[in-house]
């Protein structure tokens, strides 16, 4: 049991991931974080940034591939992760809309997601790439609310490549500009986690939304029945 807990502790340490799994473990984690429920706790942003810092080492350990190829492989993995999440959401959506509310499940959350996509369109998929936790559930919810496939794929690809390339190139070039950057990785990782997680926390704590109380099986709001005697 202690070994399992120790392993999960290592999974949130970007430097350990790169030292012990290299590109293979990175793509596995990015895939899980961008499309599987179980991957929401994984360190996507900080992992990509640190991977950029160690870009040369990653290239050497993977058949001396150019750094741009390494980034492309990781970005494609992010695209595939979202596709799996979207497929799962699309298949499970109707069932979830018919599911009764429980302590862990509220249909109003599905409507909140639909409202979000109706308001921001495909851009919601792009923006979610830069928000921890949200990027794990975004493709699943997009499938649940029956987002158009072509629109989803367009923003999925654009979002994944922008996210991966921006984070890894930032780490890569900052390391070149400041050679001692590796000596302060713990602080850098902590700062990245705080910056990327803060908007999500603020939204969860202070965000408000007008939600319909009743839905049909496809998630469309319907007006609640008027009680007898309440008509004026």
Foldseek 3Di string as FASTA:
>chain_A
DVVVVVVVVLQQPLVSCCVPPALNSLLVLLLCQQANLVNLPGQNLLNLLVCLLCLCVSCVVPVNDDSVVSLVSSLVSNLVSLVNLLVQLLVCQLVLLVDDDDPVDDLQVLLVLLVVCVVVPLVLQLVQLLAGSSSHNNSSSCNNLPRPPVSNSVSSSVNSSCSNCVSSNNSNVVCVVPVCVVVCSVVVSVVSCCVRHVVVVCCVVPNDDDTAPDADSSSHHDHDDDDPPPDD
